[in-house]
């Protein structure tokens, strides 16, 4: 009897399943806010800061670090899909980072390149937004 695991059983755990409702994460594409200058920049917080007397709570402290421009392009991706395929996103969205609490992230990357990756998470096919092969410069290959 072989002890070799089946292709579906691996260190990442079971494959993502979309048969039941699943939570989403939101990834904004654009420049990451500079936290050193956040007091000088007027940007909305995406978490509600309901009570000025509540400044000591963890949620409020995290909200003060979660400054995201809502006008940036954004991707909504099933959390179980992105975390299954990427140890980086698994650690980020399941950890004690602000992103783990808010399920929001800003990435300073090319929108089309991230779209190619997001599409691959679901389909295992590398295609551009037009459905063809992506240009090498889209993916950073010269």
N, C-alpha and C. Protein backbone atom coordinates (compact mmCIF):
# COMPACT_ATOMS: atom_id res chain seq x y z
N UNK A 1 0.84 -1.18 0.00
CA UNK A 1 0.00 0.00 0.00
C UNK A 1 0.88 1.24 0.00
N UNK A 2 0.65 2.16 -0.91
CA UNK A 2 1.47 3.35 -1.05
C UNK A 2 1.00 4.44 -0.10
N UNK A 3 1.97 5.18 0.46
CA UNK A 3 1.61 6.29 1.34
C UNK A 3 1.67 7.62 0.60
N UNK A 4 1.79 7.58 -0.70
CA UNK A 4 1.82 8.80 -1.50
C UNK A 4 0.43 9.45 -1.51
N UNK A 5 0.35 10.73 -1.12
CA UNK A 5 -0.96 11.37 -1.10
C UNK A 5 -1.51 11.56 -2.50
N UNK A 6 -2.82 11.59 -2.60
CA UNK A 6 -3.45 11.84 -3.89
C UNK A 6 -3.18 13.27 -4.31
N UNK A 7 -3.30 13.59 -5.61
CA UNK A 7 -3.02 14.95 -6.07
C UNK A 7 -3.89 16.00 -5.39
N UNK A 8 -5.09 15.65 -4.97
CA UNK A 8 -5.98 16.63 -4.34
C UNK A 8 -5.64 16.86 -2.88
N UNK A 9 -4.95 15.92 -2.24
CA UNK A 9 -4.58 16.07 -0.84
C UNK A 9 -3.16 16.61 -0.78
N UNK A 10 -3.00 17.81 -0.29
CA UNK A 10 -1.67 18.39 -0.19
C UNK A 10 -1.59 19.29 1.04
N UNK A 11 -0.45 19.92 1.21
CA UNK A 11 -0.22 20.75 2.39
C UNK A 11 -1.15 21.96 2.46
N UNK A 12 -1.71 22.36 1.33
CA UNK A 12 -2.60 23.53 1.32
C UNK A 12 -3.97 23.21 1.88
N UNK A 13 -4.28 21.95 2.08
CA UNK A 13 -5.61 21.58 2.55
C UNK A 13 -6.51 21.26 1.38
N UNK A 14 -7.79 21.11 1.67
CA UNK A 14 -8.72 20.74 0.59
C UNK A 14 -8.86 21.87 -0.44
N UNK A 15 -9.15 21.49 -1.66
CA UNK A 15 -9.35 22.48 -2.72
C UNK A 15 -10.54 23.38 -2.39
N UNK A 16 -10.52 24.62 -2.87
CA UNK A 16 -11.64 25.53 -2.61
C UNK A 16 -12.95 24.95 -3.11
N UNK A 17 -14.00 25.21 -2.36
CA UNK A 17 -15.32 24.71 -2.70
C UNK A 17 -16.28 25.89 -2.68
N UNK A 18 -16.98 26.09 -3.77
CA UNK A 18 -17.91 27.22 -3.87
C UNK A 18 -19.37 26.75 -3.81
N UNK A 19 -19.60 25.57 -3.25
CA UNK A 19 -20.96 25.04 -3.17
C UNK A 19 -21.79 25.73 -2.09
N UNK A 20 -21.13 26.38 -1.16
CA UNK A 20 -21.82 27.16 -0.12
C UNK A 20 -21.31 28.59 -0.18
N UNK A 21 -22.06 29.53 0.36
CA UNK A 21 -21.59 30.92 0.36
C UNK A 21 -20.21 31.03 1.03
N UNK A 22 -19.37 31.86 0.46
CA UNK A 22 -18.01 32.05 0.95
C UNK A 22 -17.73 33.54 1.11
N UNK A 23 -16.86 33.90 2.08
CA UNK A 23 -16.50 35.32 2.22
C UNK A 23 -15.58 35.77 1.09
N UNK A 24 -15.62 37.07 0.83
CA UNK A 24 -14.77 37.69 -0.18
C UNK A 24 -13.73 38.55 0.50
N UNK A 25 -12.61 38.75 -0.18
CA UNK A 25 -11.64 39.78 0.19
C UNK A 25 -11.68 40.82 -0.92
N UNK A 26 -11.28 42.02 -0.59
CA UNK A 26 -11.25 43.10 -1.57
C UNK A 26 -9.82 43.57 -1.73
N UNK A 27 -9.34 43.55 -2.97
CA UNK A 27 -7.99 44.00 -3.26
C UNK A 27 -8.08 45.22 -4.16
N UNK A 28 -7.64 46.36 -3.62
CA UNK A 28 -7.60 47.60 -4.37
C UNK A 28 -6.26 47.67 -5.10
N UNK A 29 -6.29 48.16 -6.33
CA UNK A 29 -5.08 48.25 -7.14
C UNK A 29 -4.71 49.72 -7.28
N UNK A 30 -3.57 50.07 -6.76
CA UNK A 30 -3.11 51.46 -6.85
C UNK A 30 -1.99 51.70 -5.86
N UNK A 31 -1.58 52.93 -5.74
CA UNK A 31 -0.47 53.22 -4.82
C UNK A 31 -0.88 52.95 -3.38
N UNK A 32 0.01 52.29 -2.65
CA UNK A 32 -0.23 52.02 -1.24
C UNK A 32 -0.08 53.33 -0.47
N UNK A 33 -1.03 53.64 0.42
CA UNK A 33 -0.93 54.90 1.16
C UNK A 33 0.34 54.95 2.00
N UNK A 34 0.92 56.13 2.07
CA UNK A 34 2.11 56.34 2.88
C UNK A 34 1.64 56.64 4.30
N UNK A 35 1.86 55.69 5.22
CA UNK A 35 1.38 55.86 6.58
C UNK A 35 2.07 57.00 7.30
N UNK A 36 3.27 57.36 6.87
CA UNK A 36 3.99 58.47 7.51
C UNK A 36 3.29 59.80 7.26
N UNK A 37 2.57 59.90 6.16
CA UNK A 37 1.90 61.16 5.83
C UNK A 37 0.39 61.04 5.91
N UNK A 38 -0.13 59.98 6.53
CA UNK A 38 -1.58 59.77 6.52
C UNK A 38 -2.34 60.88 7.21
N UNK A 39 -1.76 61.55 8.21
CA UNK A 39 -2.47 62.63 8.88
C UNK A 39 -2.63 63.85 7.98
N UNK A 40 -1.77 63.97 6.96
CA UNK A 40 -1.81 65.11 6.06
C UNK A 40 -2.70 64.86 4.85
N UNK A 41 -3.12 63.62 4.67
CA UNK A 41 -3.92 63.27 3.50
C UNK A 41 -5.35 63.02 3.94
N UNK A 42 -6.29 63.67 3.28
CA UNK A 42 -7.70 63.46 3.59
C UNK A 42 -8.22 62.32 2.73
N UNK A 43 -8.37 61.15 3.32
CA UNK A 43 -8.91 59.99 2.64
C UNK A 43 -9.92 59.34 3.57
N UNK A 44 -10.98 58.80 3.03
CA UNK A 44 -11.97 58.16 3.89
C UNK A 44 -11.47 56.84 4.44
N UNK A 45 -11.89 56.54 5.66
CA UNK A 45 -11.63 55.22 6.22
C UNK A 45 -12.78 54.32 5.79
N UNK A 46 -12.47 53.07 5.52
CA UNK A 46 -13.52 52.15 5.12
C UNK A 46 -14.18 51.46 6.30
N UNK A 47 -13.62 51.60 7.48
CA UNK A 47 -14.28 51.10 8.68
C UNK A 47 -14.97 52.27 9.35
N UNK A 48 -16.11 52.03 9.92
CA UNK A 48 -16.83 53.10 10.60
C UNK A 48 -16.21 53.37 11.95
N UNK A 49 -15.88 54.60 12.19
CA UNK A 49 -15.37 55.04 13.48
C UNK A 49 -16.54 55.71 14.18
N UNK A 50 -17.39 54.92 14.84
CA UNK A 50 -18.69 55.38 15.30
C UNK A 50 -18.63 56.34 16.47
N UNK A 51 -17.68 56.17 17.36
CA UNK A 51 -17.72 56.92 18.59
C UNK A 51 -16.34 57.51 18.87
N UNK A 52 -16.28 58.83 19.02
CA UNK A 52 -15.00 59.47 19.31
C UNK A 52 -14.44 59.04 20.66
N UNK A 53 -15.30 58.60 21.57
CA UNK A 53 -14.84 58.14 22.88
C UNK A 53 -14.26 56.73 22.80
N UNK A 54 -14.36 56.10 21.66
CA UNK A 54 -13.97 54.70 21.49
C UNK A 54 -12.60 54.58 20.82
N UNK A 55 -11.73 55.55 21.03
CA UNK A 55 -10.45 55.60 20.32
C UNK A 55 -9.48 54.50 20.73
N UNK A 56 -9.71 53.81 21.84
CA UNK A 56 -8.77 52.82 22.29
C UNK A 56 -9.03 51.41 21.79
N UNK A 57 -10.12 51.18 21.08
CA UNK A 57 -10.44 49.82 20.67
C UNK A 57 -9.53 49.36 19.54
N UNK A 58 -9.37 48.07 19.44
CA UNK A 58 -8.55 47.48 18.39
C UNK A 58 -9.11 47.86 17.03
N UNK A 59 -10.43 47.80 16.87
CA UNK A 59 -11.05 48.11 15.58
C UNK A 59 -10.72 49.54 15.15
N UNK A 60 -10.75 50.47 16.09
CA UNK A 60 -10.45 51.85 15.75
C UNK A 60 -8.98 52.02 15.40
N UNK A 61 -8.10 51.34 16.12
CA UNK A 61 -6.68 51.42 15.81
C UNK A 61 -6.40 50.84 14.43
N UNK A 62 -7.05 49.72 14.11
CA UNK A 62 -6.88 49.12 12.79
C UNK A 62 -7.46 50.04 11.73
N UNK A 63 -8.61 50.64 12.00
CA UNK A 63 -9.23 51.54 11.04
C UNK A 63 -8.31 52.71 10.72
N UNK A 64 -7.56 53.18 11.72
CA UNK A 64 -6.67 54.31 11.46
C UNK A 64 -5.52 53.92 10.54
N UNK A 65 -5.23 52.63 10.42
CA UNK A 65 -4.19 52.17 9.51
C UNK A 65 -4.74 51.72 8.17
N UNK A 66 -6.06 51.63 8.07
CA UNK A 66 -6.68 51.11 6.85
C UNK A 66 -7.25 52.27 6.05
N UNK A 67 -6.38 53.01 5.43
CA UNK A 67 -6.79 54.14 4.62
C UNK A 67 -6.71 53.70 3.17
N UNK A 68 -7.86 53.60 2.55
CA UNK A 68 -7.92 53.13 1.17
C UNK A 68 -8.77 54.09 0.37
N UNK A 69 -8.29 54.45 -0.77
CA UNK A 69 -9.04 55.33 -1.67
C UNK A 69 -10.12 54.49 -2.36
N UNK A 70 -11.40 54.71 -2.05
CA UNK A 70 -12.45 53.87 -2.62
C UNK A 70 -12.62 54.03 -4.13
N UNK A 71 -11.98 55.03 -4.72
CA UNK A 71 -12.09 55.21 -6.17
C UNK A 71 -11.10 54.33 -6.94
N UNK A 72 -10.19 53.66 -6.22
CA UNK A 72 -9.23 52.77 -6.89
C UNK A 72 -9.95 51.57 -7.49
N UNK A 73 -9.43 51.02 -8.59
CA UNK A 73 -10.00 49.78 -9.12
C UNK A 73 -9.89 48.68 -8.07
N UNK A 74 -10.86 47.79 -8.04
CA UNK A 74 -10.83 46.75 -7.02
C UNK A 74 -11.26 45.40 -7.57
N UNK A 75 -10.72 44.38 -6.96
CA UNK A 75 -11.06 43.00 -7.27
C UNK A 75 -11.71 42.39 -6.03
N UNK A 76 -12.83 41.72 -6.21
CA UNK A 76 -13.46 40.94 -5.16
C UNK A 76 -13.15 39.48 -5.47
N UNK A 77 -12.49 38.80 -4.55
CA UNK A 77 -12.06 37.43 -4.78
C UNK A 77 -12.48 36.59 -3.58
N UNK A 78 -12.98 35.40 -3.85
CA UNK A 78 -13.33 34.51 -2.74
C UNK A 78 -12.09 34.27 -1.89
N UNK A 79 -12.25 34.46 -0.59
CA UNK A 79 -11.11 34.31 0.32
C UNK A 79 -10.53 32.90 0.26
N UNK A 80 -11.38 31.88 0.20
CA UNK A 80 -10.85 30.52 0.20
C UNK A 80 -10.07 30.21 -1.08
N UNK A 81 -10.41 30.86 -2.18
CA UNK A 81 -9.71 30.63 -3.45
C UNK A 81 -8.32 31.29 -3.41
N UNK A 82 -8.27 32.56 -3.06
CA UNK A 82 -6.99 33.28 -3.10
C UNK A 82 -6.03 32.74 -2.03
N UNK A 83 -6.56 32.37 -0.86
CA UNK A 83 -5.70 31.85 0.20
C UNK A 83 -5.21 30.44 -0.11
N UNK A 84 -5.98 29.66 -0.82
CA UNK A 84 -5.55 28.31 -1.21
C UNK A 84 -4.37 28.38 -2.18
N UNK A 85 -4.40 29.32 -3.10
CA UNK A 85 -3.38 29.38 -4.14
C UNK A 85 -2.17 30.23 -3.77
N UNK A 86 -2.25 31.02 -2.71
CA UNK A 86 -1.14 31.91 -2.40
C UNK A 86 -0.84 31.94 -0.90
N UNK A 87 0.33 31.46 -0.50
CA UNK A 87 0.71 31.55 0.92
C UNK A 87 0.79 33.00 1.40
N UNK A 88 1.16 33.92 0.51
CA UNK A 88 1.21 35.34 0.88
C UNK A 88 -0.17 35.84 1.28
N UNK A 89 -1.17 35.60 0.43
CA UNK A 89 -2.52 36.07 0.73
C UNK A 89 -3.12 35.31 1.91
N UNK A 90 -2.79 34.03 2.06
CA UNK A 90 -3.29 33.25 3.20
C UNK A 90 -2.77 33.85 4.51
N UNK A 91 -1.47 34.15 4.56
CA UNK A 91 -0.90 34.74 5.77
C UNK A 91 -1.48 36.13 6.03
N UNK A 92 -1.67 36.90 4.97
CA UNK A 92 -2.17 38.26 5.13
C UNK A 92 -3.61 38.29 5.58
N UNK A 93 -4.49 37.56 4.92
CA UNK A 93 -5.92 37.64 5.23
C UNK A 93 -6.34 36.77 6.41
N UNK A 94 -5.48 35.85 6.86
CA UNK A 94 -5.80 35.03 8.02
C UNK A 94 -4.99 35.42 9.25
N UNK A 95 -4.10 36.41 9.09
CA UNK A 95 -3.23 36.81 10.19
C UNK A 95 -3.81 37.95 11.01
N UNK A 96 -2.97 38.47 11.88
CA UNK A 96 -3.38 39.55 12.77
C UNK A 96 -2.99 40.92 12.22
N UNK A 97 -2.80 40.98 10.91
CA UNK A 97 -2.54 42.25 10.25
C UNK A 97 -3.86 43.00 10.11
N UNK A 98 -3.79 44.28 9.76
CA UNK A 98 -5.01 45.04 9.50
C UNK A 98 -5.82 44.38 8.41
N UNK A 99 -5.14 43.84 7.39
CA UNK A 99 -5.83 43.18 6.28
C UNK A 99 -6.59 41.94 6.74
N UNK A 100 -6.08 41.26 7.74
CA UNK A 100 -6.75 40.09 8.28
C UNK A 100 -8.04 40.44 8.99
N UNK A 101 -8.09 41.61 9.58
CA UNK A 101 -9.30 42.06 10.26
C UNK A 101 -10.29 42.67 9.29
N UNK A 102 -9.78 43.49 8.37
CA UNK A 102 -10.67 44.22 7.46
C UNK A 102 -11.02 43.45 6.20
N UNK A 103 -10.16 42.47 5.84
CA UNK A 103 -10.30 41.72 4.58
C UNK A 103 -10.17 42.66 3.38
N UNK A 104 -9.39 43.74 3.55
CA UNK A 104 -9.10 44.72 2.50
C UNK A 104 -7.60 44.84 2.35
N UNK A 105 -7.15 45.09 1.12
CA UNK A 105 -5.73 45.26 0.86
C UNK A 105 -5.55 46.19 -0.32
N UNK A 106 -4.48 46.95 -0.30
CA UNK A 106 -4.09 47.74 -1.47
C UNK A 106 -2.78 47.19 -1.99
N UNK A 107 -2.73 46.90 -3.29
CA UNK A 107 -1.50 46.44 -3.93
C UNK A 107 -1.11 47.45 -5.00
N UNK A 108 0.14 47.84 -4.99
CA UNK A 108 0.65 48.77 -5.99
C UNK A 108 1.23 47.94 -7.13
N UNK A 109 0.34 47.42 -7.97
CA UNK A 109 0.72 46.57 -9.10
C UNK A 109 -0.08 47.00 -10.32
N UNK A 110 0.32 46.49 -11.46
CA UNK A 110 -0.41 46.76 -12.70
C UNK A 110 -1.77 46.06 -12.63
N UNK A 111 -2.83 46.80 -12.94
CA UNK A 111 -4.20 46.27 -12.86
C UNK A 111 -4.39 45.06 -13.78
N UNK A 112 -3.92 45.15 -15.01
CA UNK A 112 -4.10 44.05 -15.95
C UNK A 112 -3.31 42.82 -15.51
N UNK A 113 -2.10 43.03 -15.01
CA UNK A 113 -1.29 41.89 -14.55
C UNK A 113 -1.97 41.18 -13.38
N UNK A 114 -2.52 41.95 -12.44
CA UNK A 114 -3.21 41.31 -11.33
C UNK A 114 -4.47 40.60 -11.81
N UNK A 115 -5.13 41.17 -12.81
CA UNK A 115 -6.31 40.52 -13.39
C UNK A 115 -5.98 39.17 -13.99
N UNK A 116 -4.82 39.07 -14.63
CA UNK A 116 -4.38 37.78 -15.19
C UNK A 116 -4.22 36.77 -14.06
N UNK A 117 -3.63 37.20 -12.95
CA UNK A 117 -3.42 36.30 -11.81
C UNK A 117 -4.76 35.92 -11.18
N UNK A 118 -5.64 36.91 -11.00
CA UNK A 118 -6.97 36.63 -10.41
C UNK A 118 -7.74 35.64 -11.28
N UNK A 119 -7.66 35.79 -12.58
CA UNK A 119 -8.32 34.86 -13.48
C UNK A 119 -7.74 33.46 -13.33
N UNK A 120 -6.42 33.38 -13.20
CA UNK A 120 -5.76 32.08 -13.03
C UNK A 120 -6.21 31.40 -11.74
N UNK A 121 -6.43 32.18 -10.65
CA UNK A 121 -6.89 31.58 -9.39
C UNK A 121 -8.14 30.73 -9.61
N UNK A 122 -9.03 31.20 -10.48
CA UNK A 122 -10.29 30.50 -10.70
C UNK A 122 -10.23 29.48 -11.83
N UNK A 123 -9.51 29.79 -12.90
CA UNK A 123 -9.62 28.96 -14.11
C UNK A 123 -8.38 28.13 -14.43
N UNK A 124 -7.25 28.46 -13.82
CA UNK A 124 -5.97 27.82 -14.14
C UNK A 124 -5.57 28.06 -15.59
N UNK A 125 -6.05 29.16 -16.16
CA UNK A 125 -5.72 29.54 -17.53
C UNK A 125 -5.15 30.96 -17.47
N UNK A 126 -4.03 31.16 -18.15
CA UNK A 126 -3.41 32.48 -18.21
C UNK A 126 -3.88 33.17 -19.48
N UNK A 127 -4.80 34.13 -19.32
CA UNK A 127 -5.32 34.90 -20.44
C UNK A 127 -5.40 36.37 -20.07
N UNK A 128 -5.41 37.23 -21.08
CA UNK A 128 -5.55 38.66 -20.86
C UNK A 128 -7.03 39.01 -20.76
N UNK A 129 -7.32 40.30 -20.53
CA UNK A 129 -8.71 40.72 -20.42
C UNK A 129 -9.47 40.53 -21.73
N UNK A 130 -8.76 40.46 -22.85
CA UNK A 130 -9.41 40.23 -24.15
C UNK A 130 -9.62 38.74 -24.44
N UNK A 131 -9.11 37.88 -23.55
CA UNK A 131 -9.27 36.45 -23.73
C UNK A 131 -8.12 35.77 -24.45
N UNK A 132 -7.14 36.56 -24.89
CA UNK A 132 -5.98 36.00 -25.58
C UNK A 132 -4.80 35.86 -24.64
N UNK A 133 -3.68 35.58 -25.23
CA UNK A 133 -2.44 35.46 -24.46
C UNK A 133 -2.00 36.85 -24.00
N UNK A 134 -1.66 37.02 -22.71
CA UNK A 134 -1.23 38.35 -22.27
C UNK A 134 0.11 38.75 -22.88
N UNK A 135 0.27 40.04 -23.09
CA UNK A 135 1.55 40.55 -23.59
C UNK A 135 2.61 40.32 -22.53
N UNK A 136 3.82 40.06 -22.95
CA UNK A 136 4.88 39.79 -21.98
C UNK A 136 5.16 40.99 -21.09
N UNK A 137 5.01 42.21 -21.61
CA UNK A 137 5.26 43.38 -20.77
C UNK A 137 4.16 43.58 -19.73
N UNK A 138 2.95 43.02 -19.94
CA UNK A 138 1.89 43.07 -18.93
C UNK A 138 2.32 42.34 -17.68
N UNK A 139 3.00 41.22 -17.86
CA UNK A 139 3.43 40.40 -16.75
C UNK A 139 4.82 40.76 -16.25
N UNK A 140 5.42 41.77 -16.83
CA UNK A 140 6.73 42.20 -16.39
C UNK A 140 7.88 41.45 -17.02
N UNK A 141 7.60 40.67 -18.06
CA UNK A 141 8.65 39.94 -18.75
C UNK A 141 9.07 40.74 -19.97
N UNK A 142 10.34 40.99 -20.10
CA UNK A 142 10.81 41.75 -21.27
C UNK A 142 11.59 40.87 -22.20
